[in-house]
């Protein structure tokens, strides 16, 4: 974990120096830490209509939408 923190600090310092000298720094992505799952931007998985019907008995007799 300490090595990942040092690597992130060096990369951030490099981005700051590039920006200070008039360049366009790249996007900063933190180094993955061991044992910590990566964050996803997709969010939670949504249920399909069939899965919702299987879970909720009130929807089983509803007509299916096109």
Foldseek 3Di string as FASTA:
>chain_A
DVVQVVVLVVLVVVCVVCVVVPHHGDDRDGDDDPPDDDDDPPDDDDDDPVVVCVVDVVCVPPDDDD
